[in-house]
Each structure stands twice: as C-alpha cells, then as structure tokens.
Amino acid sequence: MKGAAMGWLYMQSLGGHAGPRDYLDAQFTFENAEGRSKVLRSTLLGDTYYAAVEQQRRDGGASAVFALVCLTSTIRATRKASCSDTRI
C-alpha cells in the first residue's frame, strides 16, 4: 500500500490530558516548519481511537486527509493498603 505506515508508541502518561482521545488529538494537531496537521474528527470506541487527519505542506503542496486507527490500553493504578500487626 502506497503511503501506508504502521508503528508503535508506548506512553506512561497522558501528559495532563483528560483521556486517550484528548491526548491523541493533541499529538496529531500541530504546526511546524514543514506544514500543519489537524484532526478533523475523532472518536474513542472502547479502546480503539479513530480519526480523520488532514495534513498540508507549507510550501503549497497538496493537502491529504487520511484515516488513523490507534489501539489503546489504559492501565489504571490500583491502590493496595496493607496493615501489619506487630505484637511484642
């Protein structure tokens, strides 16, 4: 498939974002010297993030819209309390 890409990203924090959707929207919405990327629409269904992303080159090149699918997994920390009873 021309232009297809696949990769892995492991994060230990959502960087202050409310959840995986907000985090991924922010990762794919940016502007730099080469152009810009903008999430047009996204949703998180279960653990799967779907988005339509538009990228446009700054040099006047063509823009492209592509589908983005990310499988997410959130591990929530569990609190464990322990109590010890030391008798002398």
C-alpha atoms as a PDB file:
ATOM      1  CA  MET A   1       0.000   0.000   0.000  1.00  0.00           C
ATOM      2  CA  LYS A   2       1.448   3.296  -1.048  1.00  0.00           C
ATOM      3  CA  GLY A   3       1.760   5.712   1.834  1.00  0.00           C
ATOM      4  CA  ALA A   4       0.701   3.191   4.461  1.00  0.00           C
ATOM      5  CA  ALA A   5       2.557   3.282   7.756  1.00  0.00           C
ATOM      6  CA  MET A   6       2.420   1.324  10.957  1.00  0.00           C
ATOM      7  CA  GLY A   7       4.234   1.837  14.206  1.00  0.00           C
ATOM      8  CA  TRP A   8       4.133   1.518  17.960  1.00  0.00           C
ATOM      9  CA  LEU A   9       4.006   4.181  20.627  1.00  0.00           C
ATOM     10  CA  TYR A  10       4.248   3.495  24.332  1.00  0.00           C
ATOM     11  CA  MET A  11       3.401   6.222  26.806  1.00  0.00           C
ATOM     12  CA  GLN A  12       3.375   6.162  30.567  1.00  0.00           C
ATOM     13  CA  SER A  13       1.450   9.396  30.970  1.00  0.00           C
ATOM     14  CA  LEU A  14      -1.283  11.271  29.145  1.00  0.00           C
ATOM     15  CA  GLY A  15       0.634  14.492  29.737  1.00  0.00           C
ATOM     16  CA  GLY A  16      -2.174  16.193  31.628  1.00  0.00           C
ATOM     17  CA  HIS A  17      -4.863  15.358  29.046  1.00  0.00           C
ATOM     18  CA  ALA A  18      -8.258  14.162  30.253  1.00  0.00           C
ATOM     19  CA  GLY A  19      -8.039  10.830  28.425  1.00  0.00           C
ATOM     20  CA  PRO A  20      -6.600   8.921  25.452  1.00  0.00           C
ATOM     21  CA  ARG A  21      -8.767  10.739  22.885  1.00  0.00           C
ATOM     22  CA  ASP A  22      -7.678  14.202  24.048  1.00  0.00           C
ATOM     23  CA  TYR A  23      -4.061  13.068  24.172  1.00  0.00           C
ATOM     24  CA  LEU A  24      -4.081  11.613  20.645  1.00  0.00           C
ATOM     25  CA  ASP A  25      -5.998  14.604  19.219  1.00  0.00           C
ATOM     26  CA  ALA A  26      -3.222  16.840  20.585  1.00  0.00           C
ATOM     27  CA  GLN A  27      -0.454  14.606  19.185  1.00  0.00           C
ATOM     28  CA  PHE A  28      -1.845  14.817  15.648  1.00  0.00           C
ATOM     29  CA  THR A  29      -2.790  18.517  15.704  1.00  0.00           C
ATOM     30  CA  PHE A  30       0.283  20.680  15.240  1.00  0.00           C
ATOM     31  CA  GLU A  31       2.052  23.192  13.026  1.00  0.00           C
ATOM     32  CA  ASN A  32       5.760  23.248  12.201  1.00  0.00           C
ATOM     33  CA  ALA A  33       8.179  24.496   9.513  1.00  0.00           C
ATOM     34  CA  GLU A  34       7.025  21.807   7.054  1.00  0.00           C
ATOM     35  CA  GLY A  35       3.293  22.363   7.383  1.00  0.00           C
ATOM     36  CA  ARG A  36       0.355  21.566   9.587  1.00  0.00           C
ATOM     37  CA  SER A  37      -1.636  18.580  10.761  1.00  0.00           C
ATOM     38  CA  LYS A  38      -5.193  18.836  12.072  1.00  0.00           C
ATOM     39  CA  VAL A  39      -7.598  16.242  13.475  1.00  0.00           C
ATOM     40  CA  LEU A  40     -10.848  16.869  11.630  1.00  0.00           C
ATOM     41  CA  ARG A  41     -12.889  14.431  13.681  1.00  0.00           C
ATOM     42  CA  SER A  42     -12.153  11.658  16.143  1.00  0.00           C
ATOM     43  CA  THR A  43     -13.806   9.193  18.446  1.00  0.00           C
ATOM     44  CA  LEU A  44     -12.775   6.616  21.006  1.00  0.00           C
ATOM     45  CA  LEU A  45     -14.853   3.439  20.849  1.00  0.00           C
ATOM     46  CA  GLY A  46     -13.821   1.099  23.620  1.00  0.00           C
ATOM     47  CA  ASP A  47     -10.029   1.003  23.433  1.00  0.00           C
ATOM     48  CA  THR A  48      -9.849   1.985  19.738  1.00  0.00           C
ATOM     49  CA  TYR A  49      -9.244   5.584  18.603  1.00  0.00           C
ATOM     50  CA  TYR A  50     -10.414   6.550  15.091  1.00  0.00           C
ATOM     51  CA  ALA A  51      -9.608   9.883  13.465  1.00  0.00           C
ATOM     52  CA  ALA A  52      -9.663  11.715  10.147  1.00  0.00           C
ATOM     53  CA  VAL A  53      -6.487  13.803   9.934  1.00  0.00           C
ATOM     54  CA  GLU A  54      -5.656  16.490   7.369  1.00  0.00           C
ATOM     55  CA  GLN A  55      -2.041  17.339   6.605  1.00  0.00           C
ATOM     56  CA  GLN A  56      -0.994  20.268   4.461  1.00  0.00           C
ATOM     57  CA  ARG A  57       2.509  21.219   3.382  1.00  0.00           C
ATOM     58  CA  ARG A  58       3.601  24.803   3.977  1.00  0.00           C
ATOM     59  CA  ASP A  59       5.293  25.045   0.545  1.00  0.00           C
ATOM     60  CA  GLY A  60       1.911  24.994  -1.192  1.00  0.00           C
ATOM     61  CA  GLY A  61       1.953  21.263  -1.843  1.00  0.00           C
ATOM     62  CA  ALA A  62      -1.227  19.259  -1.908  1.00  0.00           C
ATOM     63  CA  SER A  63      -3.061  18.504   1.272  1.00  0.00           C
ATOM     64  CA  ALA A  64      -4.094  14.977   2.193  1.00  0.00           C
ATOM     65  CA  VAL A  65      -6.693  13.534   4.519  1.00  0.00           C
ATOM     66  CA  PHE A  66      -6.022  10.114   5.985  1.00  0.00           C
ATOM     67  CA  ALA A  67      -7.601   7.694   8.415  1.00  0.00           C
ATOM     68  CA  LEU A  68      -5.837   6.998  11.670  1.00  0.00           C
ATOM     69  CA  VAL A  69      -6.587   3.995  13.884  1.00  0.00           C
ATOM     70  CA  CYS A  70      -4.861   3.561  17.244  1.00  0.00           C
ATOM     71  CA  LEU A  71      -5.362   0.680  19.640  1.00  0.00           C
ATOM     72  CA  THR A  72      -5.077   1.965  23.176  1.00  0.00           C
ATOM     73  CA  SER A  73      -4.708   0.307  26.517  1.00  0.00           C
ATOM     74  CA  THR A  74      -5.071   2.134  29.778  1.00  0.00           C
ATOM     75  CA  ILE A  75      -3.764   0.546  32.918  1.00  0.00           C
ATOM     76  CA  ARG A  76      -5.187   2.223  35.952  1.00  0.00           C
ATOM     77  CA  ALA A  77      -3.152   2.074  39.131  1.00  0.00           C
ATOM     78  CA  THR A  78      -4.790   0.194  41.904  1.00  0.00           C
ATOM     79  CA  ARG A  79      -4.320   1.190  45.486  1.00  0.00           C
ATOM     80  CA  LYS A  80      -3.455  -1.518  47.875  1.00  0.00           C
ATOM     81  CA  ALA A  81      -3.473  -0.964  51.571  1.00  0.00           C
ATOM     82  CA  SER A  82      -1.750  -3.240  53.946  1.00  0.00           C
ATOM     83  CA  CYS A  83      -1.785  -3.333  57.673  1.00  0.00           C
ATOM     84  CA  SER A  84       0.695  -5.052  59.894  1.00  0.00           C
ATOM     85  CA  ASP A  85       0.100  -6.047  63.455  1.00  0.00           C
ATOM     86  CA  THR A  86       3.325  -6.355  65.415  1.00  0.00           C
ATOM     87  CA  ARG A  87       2.908  -7.678  68.902  1.00  0.00           C
ATOM     88  CA  ILE A  88       5.692  -7.707  71.440  1.00  0.00           C
END
